[in-house]
Amino acid sequence: MSALTDLGVRTVWSMDLPTIRGRHLHPRDVGGAIVSLDQPTTPGDWEWGGPTWTTAKAATVVSAIASVSISAEDPVAMRARWSELGINTQVEFIAAGDRGDGLDVVDLVATDRSRVGEEMDLVGVRFRLV
């Protein structure tokens, strides 16, 4: 986190538990969205899901997040900032529409390949099965 702090990024929330630690980065310092950096001590564990999250875990529709699209008034500058911070993995930066900067699209890997191409909009964010 000191590297991010050195680059002028404030942390708006942090928590360290025995099983996971997390940080939310200030969206004004990152651009586009609040970014959550989380690190479970055991890969695959997810404390934030609660004690019984694994019983509800299913991969019948989606197996992974493929990518996200972040809209920006200046996509080139935002891409450069996210690259500088090292948080630009699987992120596409697109021109902002009426909603301004923010999360626009989440591409999800479809478990059932016959469902590829299905889309759903939820509170202004498009979820696509790819």
Protein backbone atom coordinates (compact mmCIF):
# COMPACT_ATOMS: atom_id res chain seq x y z
CA MET A 1 0.00 0.00 0.00
CA SER A 2 2.91 2.36 0.54
CA ALA A 3 3.54 2.38 -3.24
CA LEU A 4 -0.04 3.51 -3.82
CA THR A 5 0.20 6.11 -1.06
CA ASP A 6 3.40 7.42 -2.67
CA LEU A 7 1.39 7.87 -5.88
CA GLY A 8 -1.22 9.97 -4.06
CA VAL A 9 -3.89 7.32 -3.52
CA ARG A 10 -5.93 7.58 -0.34
CA THR A 11 -7.52 4.57 1.32
CA VAL A 12 -11.17 5.14 2.24
CA TRP A 13 -11.63 1.82 4.05
CA SER A 14 -9.37 -0.94 5.27
CA MET A 15 -9.69 -4.08 7.33
CA ASP A 16 -7.28 -6.82 8.29
CA LEU A 17 -8.69 -10.12 9.55
CA PRO A 18 -6.84 -13.39 10.12
CA THR A 19 -8.31 -14.78 6.87
CA ILE A 20 -8.38 -11.72 4.58
CA ARG A 21 -7.34 -8.13 4.25
CA GLY A 22 -8.90 -5.47 2.09
CA ARG A 23 -8.51 -1.87 1.00
CA HIS A 24 -10.89 0.43 -0.85
CA LEU A 25 -9.12 3.12 -2.84
CA HIS A 26 -10.52 6.63 -3.12
CA PRO A 27 -12.23 7.00 -6.52
CA ARG A 28 -10.97 10.59 -6.94
CA ASP A 29 -7.40 9.31 -6.70
CA VAL A 30 -7.94 6.35 -9.04
CA GLY A 31 -10.68 7.51 -11.39
CA GLY A 32 -13.78 5.76 -12.66
CA ALA A 33 -14.77 3.61 -9.72
CA ILE A 34 -14.00 2.72 -6.15
CA VAL A 35 -11.41 -0.04 -6.38
CA SER A 36 -11.28 -2.82 -3.80
CA LEU A 37 -7.99 -4.65 -3.30
CA ASP A 38 -8.51 -7.85 -1.33
CA GLN A 39 -6.12 -10.61 -0.35
CA PRO A 40 -7.37 -13.80 1.30
CA THR A 41 -4.73 -15.73 3.24
CA THR A 42 -6.01 -18.93 1.62
CA PRO A 43 -6.69 -18.58 -2.12
CA GLY A 44 -10.37 -19.12 -2.85
CA ASP A 45 -11.56 -18.13 0.64
CA TRP A 46 -13.81 -15.07 0.78
CA GLU A 47 -14.49 -13.85 4.32
CA TRP A 48 -16.59 -10.96 3.00
CA GLY A 49 -19.21 -13.47 1.81
CA GLY A 50 -20.02 -14.55 5.37
CA PRO A 51 -19.60 -17.87 7.14
CA THR A 52 -21.88 -19.87 4.83
CA TRP A 53 -21.05 -18.34 1.44
CA THR A 54 -19.53 -21.55 0.11
CA THR A 55 -22.86 -23.39 0.49
CA ALA A 56 -24.44 -20.87 -1.90
CA LYS A 57 -21.48 -20.86 -4.29
CA ALA A 58 -22.44 -22.15 -7.70
CA ALA A 59 -20.76 -22.04 -11.07
CA THR A 60 -23.76 -23.22 -13.06
CA VAL A 61 -24.08 -19.92 -14.94
CA VAL A 62 -20.77 -18.07 -14.49
CA SER A 63 -17.30 -19.39 -13.74
CA ALA A 64 -15.27 -16.16 -13.66
CA ILE A 65 -15.12 -12.45 -14.38
CA ALA A 66 -13.51 -12.03 -17.81
CA SER A 67 -13.16 -8.24 -17.86
CA VAL A 68 -14.77 -4.93 -16.98
CA SER A 69 -15.31 -1.73 -18.94
CA ILE A 70 -14.91 1.59 -17.17
CA SER A 71 -16.25 4.70 -18.85
CA ALA A 72 -14.26 7.90 -18.56
CA GLU A 73 -14.45 11.47 -19.75
CA ASP A 74 -10.80 10.94 -20.75
CA PRO A 75 -10.24 7.20 -21.30
CA VAL A 76 -6.59 7.67 -22.31
CA ALA A 77 -5.73 9.54 -19.10
CA MET A 78 -7.65 7.08 -16.93
CA ARG A 79 -5.94 4.10 -18.61
CA ALA A 80 -2.59 5.77 -17.92
CA ARG A 81 -3.47 6.33 -14.24
CA TRP A 82 -4.67 2.76 -13.70
CA SER A 83 -1.52 1.50 -15.46
CA GLU A 84 0.65 3.67 -13.22
CA LEU A 85 -1.08 2.14 -10.18
CA GLY A 86 -0.82 -1.42 -11.55
CA ILE A 87 -4.58 -2.08 -11.35
CA ASN A 88 -5.45 -2.18 -15.05
CA THR A 89 -5.64 -5.96 -15.51
CA GLN A 90 -8.61 -7.02 -17.66
CA VAL A 91 -9.96 -3.45 -17.76
CA GLU A 92 -11.11 -1.63 -20.87
CA PHE A 93 -11.53 2.15 -20.77
CA ILE A 94 -14.27 3.61 -22.96
CA ALA A 95 -15.70 7.06 -23.61
CA ALA A 96 -18.22 8.17 -20.99
CA GLY A 97 -21.85 8.54 -21.92
CA ASP A 98 -24.66 10.29 -20.05
CA ARG A 99 -23.75 8.59 -16.75
CA GLY A 100 -20.19 9.96 -16.75
CA ASP A 101 -17.24 8.06 -15.29
CA GLY A 102 -17.93 4.65 -13.82
CA LEU A 103 -18.43 0.94 -14.27
CA ASP A 104 -20.37 0.24 -17.48
CA VAL A 105 -19.86 -3.40 -18.47
CA VAL A 106 -18.93 -6.64 -16.72
CA ASP A 107 -18.06 -9.58 -18.95
CA LEU A 108 -18.62 -12.93 -17.27
CA VAL A 109 -17.40 -16.32 -18.49
CA ALA A 110 -20.49 -18.42 -19.24
CA THR A 111 -20.29 -21.94 -17.84
CA ASP A 112 -23.04 -23.05 -20.23
CA ARG A 113 -21.50 -22.02 -23.56
CA SER A 114 -24.95 -21.98 -25.22
CA ARG A 115 -25.70 -18.85 -23.15
CA VAL A 116 -22.81 -16.81 -24.57
CA GLY A 117 -24.17 -13.49 -25.77
CA GLU A 118 -26.89 -13.12 -23.14
CA GLU A 119 -26.99 -9.68 -21.53
CA MET A 120 -28.69 -8.12 -18.54
CA ASP A 121 -28.73 -4.52 -17.35
CA LEU A 122 -28.71 -3.93 -13.63
CA VAL A 123 -28.78 -0.36 -12.27
CA GLY A 124 -27.15 0.95 -15.43
CA VAL A 125 -24.40 -1.68 -15.64
CA ARG A 126 -24.52 -4.25 -18.46
CA PHE A 127 -23.59 -7.82 -17.54
CA ARG A 128 -22.66 -9.96 -20.55
CA LEU A 129 -22.03 -13.68 -20.79
CA VAL A 130 -18.92 -14.32 -22.91
